[in-house]
Each structure stands twice: as structure tokens, then as C-alpha cells.
Amino acid sequence: MAIPHAASGELIDLSSPGPAPEAGSVTLVRDERFEIFRLEMPAGKALPEHEVPSLVTIQCLRGRVEVSAHGRSQAMPAGFMMYIAGGEPHGVRALEDSSILVTMRVNRE
């Protein structure tokens, strides 16, 4: 069974499901060109360094995360976002219980 995603023109609730998130992601929008998902990260949870072929944006909705990219690490509090070029290695680690919104272009050929 396919997981339902938001349709064009539909409101999307970006709020987290509760005060202490469980690790996991929820895909909010997916089509042939891009994907948007919310990722819940408990404090201490890390996504190891990786790279994707397309551009990525990471927006901290709640909490505080550390983003490693371009040879440095930066703490990102809620309300901030970062753009990462395609092919750039990057990683994310939750400094606090956090929720992030990730947008990325995808190539489905």
C-alpha cells in the first residue's frame, strides 16, 4: 500500500508529534522532481556523513542540531536552515531533541 503524501494545495502540519521525538522520518511531499520529509532526532542521534547528487536544504524546526559540511561543523538552532550543494559530504547530529525539515531534488529516470 502506498503511503499518502500531501497533494498540491493541501496544508501540511510541520509540528512534531510530541515533546520527545522518536527517531524516524515522515515523507510529506514526493514527486518526480523533489522530496520533502520531516526527520525526528532524539538528542545524540546522528546521521553519518553521506552525500546525495542533488542540492539539499536542512531546516531546524525544533531543538538544535549540528551540521557538518564543507569541512566544518555548525550548530543550527530552531528557525535556521542551510543549503548544501549536490555531491557535498554532510552529516547531522542532534544536540537536543530535534525536528528537521529536509528538502532535496531527486532524479527519477
Protein backbone atom coordinates (compact mmCIF):
# COMPACT_ATOMS: atom_id res chain seq x y z
CA MET A 1 0.00 0.00 0.00
CA ALA A 2 1.38 3.42 -0.95
CA ILE A 3 1.99 5.97 1.79
CA PRO A 4 -0.16 9.07 1.21
CA HIS A 5 1.70 12.33 0.66
CA ALA A 6 0.36 15.87 0.60
CA ALA A 7 -1.37 16.95 -2.57
CA SER A 8 -0.85 20.27 -4.29
CA GLY A 9 -2.74 22.99 -2.39
CA GLU A 10 -3.08 20.91 0.79
CA LEU A 11 -1.99 22.26 4.20
CA ILE A 12 0.96 20.38 5.74
CA ASP A 13 1.38 20.20 9.52
CA LEU A 14 5.08 20.65 10.32
CA SER A 15 4.66 20.29 14.07
CA SER A 16 6.28 17.37 15.81
CA PRO A 17 4.15 14.59 17.25
CA GLY A 18 5.12 15.35 20.87
CA PRO A 19 7.70 16.81 23.26
CA ALA A 20 10.26 13.98 22.93
CA PRO A 21 10.55 12.71 19.37
CA GLU A 22 11.09 9.12 18.44
CA ALA A 23 13.70 8.63 15.75
CA GLY A 24 12.20 8.40 12.31
CA SER A 25 11.12 10.29 9.27
CA VAL A 26 7.84 11.16 7.63
CA THR A 27 7.77 11.96 3.92
CA LEU A 28 5.45 14.91 3.41
CA VAL A 29 5.77 15.52 -0.34
CA ARG A 30 7.22 13.37 -3.09
CA ASP A 31 7.03 13.72 -6.84
CA GLU A 32 9.33 13.05 -9.78
CA ARG A 33 11.47 16.14 -9.05
CA PHE A 34 11.75 16.66 -5.31
CA GLU A 35 11.05 15.26 -1.87
CA ILE A 36 10.32 16.92 1.47
CA PHE A 37 10.48 15.00 4.72
CA ARG A 38 10.46 15.74 8.45
CA LEU A 39 13.07 13.89 10.45
CA GLU A 40 12.72 13.43 14.22
CA MET A 41 16.07 13.13 16.00
CA PRO A 42 16.40 12.48 19.74
CA ALA A 43 19.42 14.12 21.41
CA GLY A 44 22.59 12.24 20.48
CA LYS A 45 21.14 10.68 17.30
CA ALA A 46 23.40 11.15 14.27
CA LEU A 47 23.20 10.70 10.54
CA PRO A 48 26.70 9.70 9.43
CA GLU A 49 28.42 11.72 6.75
CA HIS A 50 26.92 11.00 3.34
CA GLU A 51 26.30 12.76 0.06
CA VAL A 52 23.49 12.97 -2.44
CA PRO A 53 23.79 14.01 -6.10
CA SER A 54 21.39 16.95 -5.83
CA LEU A 55 21.06 20.03 -3.67
CA VAL A 56 19.65 19.65 -0.14
CA THR A 57 18.18 22.10 2.33
CA ILE A 58 18.04 21.36 6.05
CA GLN A 59 15.80 23.47 8.27
CA CYS A 60 15.73 23.05 12.04
CA LEU A 61 12.09 23.25 13.17
CA ARG A 62 12.67 22.41 16.84
CA GLY A 63 15.67 21.79 19.07
CA ARG A 64 19.27 22.20 17.92
CA VAL A 65 21.39 20.12 15.56
CA GLU A 66 25.00 20.17 14.45
CA VAL A 67 25.50 20.09 10.69
CA SER A 68 28.89 19.07 9.27
CA ALA A 69 29.59 20.20 5.71
CA HIS A 70 32.31 21.96 3.74
CA GLY A 71 34.96 20.90 6.26
CA ARG A 72 33.34 22.45 9.33
CA SER A 73 30.59 21.82 11.87
CA GLN A 74 27.98 24.40 12.83
CA ALA A 75 25.27 24.35 15.48
CA MET A 76 21.88 25.09 13.93
CA PRO A 77 19.10 26.25 16.27
CA ALA A 78 15.39 26.18 15.51
CA GLY A 79 14.43 28.73 12.89
CA PHE A 80 17.62 28.37 10.83
CA MET A 81 18.28 26.49 7.61
CA MET A 82 21.26 25.51 5.47
CA TYR A 83 21.64 24.85 1.76
CA ILE A 84 24.12 22.11 0.78
CA ALA A 85 25.26 21.72 -2.82
CA GLY A 86 24.85 18.42 -4.61
CA GLY A 87 27.71 15.97 -4.06
CA GLU A 88 28.89 17.75 -0.88
CA PRO A 89 29.50 15.31 2.00
CA HIS A 90 27.46 16.24 5.08
CA GLY A 91 26.23 14.80 8.35
CA VAL A 92 23.75 15.82 11.07
CA ARG A 93 23.78 15.18 14.82
CA ALA A 94 21.04 16.19 17.26
CA LEU A 95 22.40 18.26 20.15
CA GLU A 96 18.89 18.33 21.66
CA ASP A 97 15.66 16.51 20.86
CA SER A 98 15.09 17.97 17.41
CA SER A 99 12.89 18.01 14.36
CA ILE A 100 14.33 18.97 10.96
CA LEU A 101 12.75 19.53 7.57
CA VAL A 102 14.78 18.23 4.63
CA THR A 103 14.12 19.16 1.01
CA MET A 104 16.01 17.56 -1.85
CA ARG A 105 15.79 17.34 -5.58
CA VAL A 106 15.53 13.82 -6.90
CA ASN A 107 16.15 12.37 -10.32
CA ARG A 108 13.72 9.61 -11.17
CA GLU A 109 14.67 8.43 -14.62
